[in-house]
């Protein structure tokens, strides 16, 4: 029987928002969350919010599970949006799948949310 527990994002310290320091999603993205490497019985269900603390519009890019495809969000100043709502993330047997981010300007986007771990 599976067990479920709610926890913080692995990129967070004590539940604090993760600051997106990366400005390039391909070479050095900011890690928001890394799921389990197990491909059998481990699943992370992720919910993410993005907040723009800048005084100008920011483009935020999220990469999920190493995919070349990305999600792009345009956030107005002082705007908070729900970016991911219950998105499942699983491993593939050799390493953890990750959610990574980058934005136009370093340290202006904060990511917060939670993870439901199903084991």
C-alpha atoms as a PDB file:
ATOM      1  CA  UNK A   1       0.000   0.000   0.000  1.00  0.00           C
ATOM      2  CA  UNK A   2       1.304   3.453  -0.924  1.00  0.00           C
ATOM      3  CA  UNK A   3       1.975   6.148   1.653  1.00  0.00           C
ATOM      4  CA  UNK A   4       1.680   9.879   1.083  1.00  0.00           C
ATOM      5  CA  UNK A   5       3.411  12.777   2.815  1.00  0.00           C
ATOM      6  CA  UNK A   6       3.534  16.494   2.084  1.00  0.00           C
ATOM      7  CA  UNK A   7       6.927  18.191   2.154  1.00  0.00           C
ATOM      8  CA  UNK A   8       8.858  21.233   0.964  1.00  0.00           C
ATOM      9  CA  UNK A   9      10.672  21.605  -2.346  1.00  0.00           C
ATOM     10  CA  UNK A  10      14.143  20.060  -2.282  1.00  0.00           C
ATOM     11  CA  UNK A  11      15.664  23.350  -3.490  1.00  0.00           C
ATOM     12  CA  UNK A  12      14.167  25.195  -0.513  1.00  0.00           C
ATOM     13  CA  UNK A  13      15.797  25.779   2.849  1.00  0.00           C
ATOM     14  CA  UNK A  14      13.243  25.229   5.583  1.00  0.00           C
ATOM     15  CA  UNK A  15      10.329  26.043   3.300  1.00  0.00           C
ATOM     16  CA  UNK A  16      11.660  29.438   2.197  1.00  0.00           C
ATOM     17  CA  UNK A  17      11.078  30.464  -1.428  1.00  0.00           C
ATOM     18  CA  UNK A  18      13.770  29.409  -3.890  1.00  0.00           C
ATOM     19  CA  UNK A  19      15.370  32.440  -5.567  1.00  0.00           C
ATOM     20  CA  UNK A  20      15.930  31.927  -9.270  1.00  0.00           C
ATOM     21  CA  UNK A  21      19.532  33.034  -9.794  1.00  0.00           C
ATOM     22  CA  UNK A  22      19.957  31.520 -13.260  1.00  0.00           C
ATOM     23  CA  UNK A  23      19.390  33.531 -16.404  1.00  0.00           C
ATOM     24  CA  UNK A  24      20.052  30.625 -18.791  1.00  0.00           C
ATOM     25  CA  UNK A  25      17.899  27.471 -18.680  1.00  0.00           C
ATOM     26  CA  UNK A  26      20.305  25.412 -20.806  1.00  0.00           C
ATOM     27  CA  UNK A  27      23.695  25.851 -19.170  1.00  0.00           C
ATOM     28  CA  UNK A  28      23.159  26.584 -15.472  1.00  0.00           C
ATOM     29  CA  UNK A  29      19.500  26.524 -14.365  1.00  0.00           C
ATOM     30  CA  UNK A  30      18.392  26.953 -10.760  1.00  0.00           C
ATOM     31  CA  UNK A  31      17.224  23.635  -9.296  1.00  0.00           C
ATOM     32  CA  UNK A  32      13.781  23.975  -7.762  1.00  0.00           C
ATOM     33  CA  UNK A  33      13.070  20.334  -6.936  1.00  0.00           C
ATOM     34  CA  UNK A  34      14.665  16.944  -7.554  1.00  0.00           C
ATOM     35  CA  UNK A  35      12.460  13.892  -7.276  1.00  0.00           C
ATOM     36  CA  UNK A  36      13.477  10.342  -6.426  1.00  0.00           C
ATOM     37  CA  UNK A  37      15.710   8.407  -8.828  1.00  0.00           C
ATOM     38  CA  UNK A  38      13.543   5.304  -8.408  1.00  0.00           C
ATOM     39  CA  UNK A  39      11.385   4.528 -11.404  1.00  0.00           C
ATOM     40  CA  UNK A  40       9.216   1.964  -9.657  1.00  0.00           C
ATOM     41  CA  UNK A  41       7.121   3.161  -6.745  1.00  0.00           C
ATOM     42  CA  UNK A  42       8.162   6.779  -6.217  1.00  0.00           C
ATOM     43  CA  UNK A  43       6.152   9.738  -7.394  1.00  0.00           C
ATOM     44  CA  UNK A  44       6.355  13.415  -6.428  1.00  0.00           C
ATOM     45  CA  UNK A  45       3.291  15.549  -7.085  1.00  0.00           C
ATOM     46  CA  UNK A  46       4.489  19.153  -7.343  1.00  0.00           C
ATOM     47  CA  UNK A  47       2.675  22.465  -6.918  1.00  0.00           C
ATOM     48  CA  UNK A  48       4.631  25.666  -7.700  1.00  0.00           C
ATOM     49  CA  UNK A  49       3.944  29.375  -7.392  1.00  0.00           C
ATOM     50  CA  UNK A  50       6.080  32.064  -9.021  1.00  0.00           C
ATOM     51  CA  UNK A  51       6.457  35.585  -7.602  1.00  0.00           C
ATOM     52  CA  UNK A  52       8.078  38.525  -9.418  1.00  0.00           C
ATOM     53  CA  UNK A  53       9.717  40.979  -7.013  1.00  0.00           C
ATOM     54  CA  UNK A  54      11.103  43.117  -9.846  1.00  0.00           C
ATOM     55  CA  UNK A  55       9.724  46.484 -10.939  1.00  0.00           C
ATOM     56  CA  UNK A  56       9.492  45.256 -14.533  1.00  0.00           C
ATOM     57  CA  UNK A  57       8.023  42.253 -16.333  1.00  0.00           C
ATOM     58  CA  UNK A  58      10.049  39.041 -16.007  1.00  0.00           C
ATOM     59  CA  UNK A  59      10.061  36.033 -18.309  1.00  0.00           C
ATOM     60  CA  UNK A  60      10.421  32.794 -16.336  1.00  0.00           C
ATOM     61  CA  UNK A  61      11.310  29.479 -17.944  1.00  0.00           C
ATOM     62  CA  UNK A  62      10.681  26.106 -16.251  1.00  0.00           C
ATOM     63  CA  UNK A  63      12.262  22.864 -17.440  1.00  0.00           C
ATOM     64  CA  UNK A  64      10.633  19.680 -16.179  1.00  0.00           C
ATOM     65  CA  UNK A  65      12.261  16.243 -16.110  1.00  0.00           C
ATOM     66  CA  UNK A  66      15.163  17.194 -18.367  1.00  0.00           C
ATOM     67  CA  UNK A  67      12.896  17.771 -21.340  1.00  0.00           C
ATOM     68  CA  UNK A  68      14.060  20.007 -24.160  1.00  0.00           C
ATOM     69  CA  UNK A  69      10.549  21.467 -24.079  1.00  0.00           C
ATOM     70  CA  UNK A  70      10.069  24.264 -21.567  1.00  0.00           C
ATOM     71  CA  UNK A  71       7.201  26.193 -19.996  1.00  0.00           C
ATOM     72  CA  UNK A  72       7.371  29.979 -20.239  1.00  0.00           C
ATOM     73  CA  UNK A  73       5.610  32.477 -18.000  1.00  0.00           C
ATOM     74  CA  UNK A  74       5.505  36.257 -18.193  1.00  0.00           C
ATOM     75  CA  UNK A  75       5.019  37.852 -14.778  1.00  0.00           C
ATOM     76  CA  UNK A  76       4.134  41.468 -14.134  1.00  0.00           C
ATOM     77  CA  UNK A  77       5.808  43.351 -11.252  1.00  0.00           C
ATOM     78  CA  UNK A  78       4.644  42.102  -7.827  1.00  0.00           C
ATOM     79  CA  UNK A  79       2.602  39.345  -9.467  1.00  0.00           C
ATOM     80  CA  UNK A  80       2.182  35.829  -8.086  1.00  0.00           C
ATOM     81  CA  UNK A  81       0.897  33.005 -10.279  1.00  0.00           C
ATOM     82  CA  UNK A  82       0.178  29.323  -9.878  1.00  0.00           C
ATOM     83  CA  UNK A  83       2.616  27.760 -12.369  1.00  0.00           C
ATOM     84  CA  UNK A  84       2.233  24.028 -11.647  1.00  0.00           C
ATOM     85  CA  UNK A  85      -0.725  22.425  -9.939  1.00  0.00           C
ATOM     86  CA  UNK A  86      -0.258  18.777  -9.003  1.00  0.00           C
ATOM     87  CA  UNK A  87       2.243  17.867 -11.728  1.00  0.00           C
ATOM     88  CA  UNK A  88       3.609  14.322 -11.274  1.00  0.00           C
ATOM     89  CA  UNK A  89       7.381  13.828 -11.313  1.00  0.00           C
ATOM     90  CA  UNK A  90       8.991  10.383 -11.278  1.00  0.00           C
ATOM     91  CA  UNK A  91      12.525   9.052 -11.612  1.00  0.00           C
ATOM     92  CA  UNK A  92      13.817   6.934 -14.443  1.00  0.00           C
ATOM     93  CA  UNK A  93      15.955   4.455 -12.546  1.00  0.00           C
ATOM     94  CA  UNK A  94      19.384   6.076 -12.741  1.00  0.00           C
ATOM     95  CA  UNK A  95      18.899   9.674 -11.603  1.00  0.00           C
ATOM     96  CA  UNK A  96      16.225  11.977 -10.282  1.00  0.00           C
ATOM     97  CA  UNK A  97      14.092  14.017 -12.599  1.00  0.00           C
ATOM     98  CA  UNK A  98      14.229  17.707 -11.750  1.00  0.00           C
ATOM     99  CA  UNK A  99      12.327  20.924 -12.090  1.00  0.00           C
ATOM    100  CA  UNK A 100      14.681  23.760 -13.007  1.00  0.00           C
ATOM    101  CA  UNK A 101      14.169  27.466 -13.643  1.00  0.00           C
ATOM    102  CA  UNK A 102      15.714  30.566 -15.169  1.00  0.00           C
ATOM    103  CA  UNK A 103      14.506  34.148 -15.580  1.00  0.00           C
ATOM    104  CA  UNK A 104      15.495  37.365 -17.329  1.00  0.00           C
ATOM    105  CA  UNK A 105      17.040  38.881 -14.200  1.00  0.00           C
ATOM    106  CA  UNK A 106      18.820  37.019 -11.386  1.00  0.00           C
ATOM    107  CA  UNK A 107      17.265  37.056  -7.902  1.00  0.00           C
ATOM    108  CA  UNK A 108      13.960  38.688  -8.915  1.00  0.00           C
ATOM    109  CA  UNK A 109      11.788  35.563  -9.195  1.00  0.00           C
ATOM    110  CA  UNK A 110      10.936  33.511  -6.135  1.00  0.00           C
ATOM    111  CA  UNK A 111       9.473  30.021  -6.378  1.00  0.00           C
ATOM    112  CA  UNK A 112       7.539  28.442  -3.560  1.00  0.00           C
ATOM    113  CA  UNK A 113       5.281  25.456  -3.277  1.00  0.00           C
ATOM    114  CA  UNK A 114       4.982  21.942  -1.965  1.00  0.00           C
ATOM    115  CA  UNK A 115       5.455  18.314  -2.879  1.00  0.00           C
ATOM    116  CA  UNK A 116       3.257  15.336  -2.077  1.00  0.00           C
ATOM    117  CA  UNK A 117       5.494  12.271  -2.000  1.00  0.00           C
ATOM    118  CA  UNK A 118       3.804   8.984  -2.872  1.00  0.00           C
ATOM    119  CA  UNK A 119       5.838   5.925  -1.881  1.00  0.00           C
END
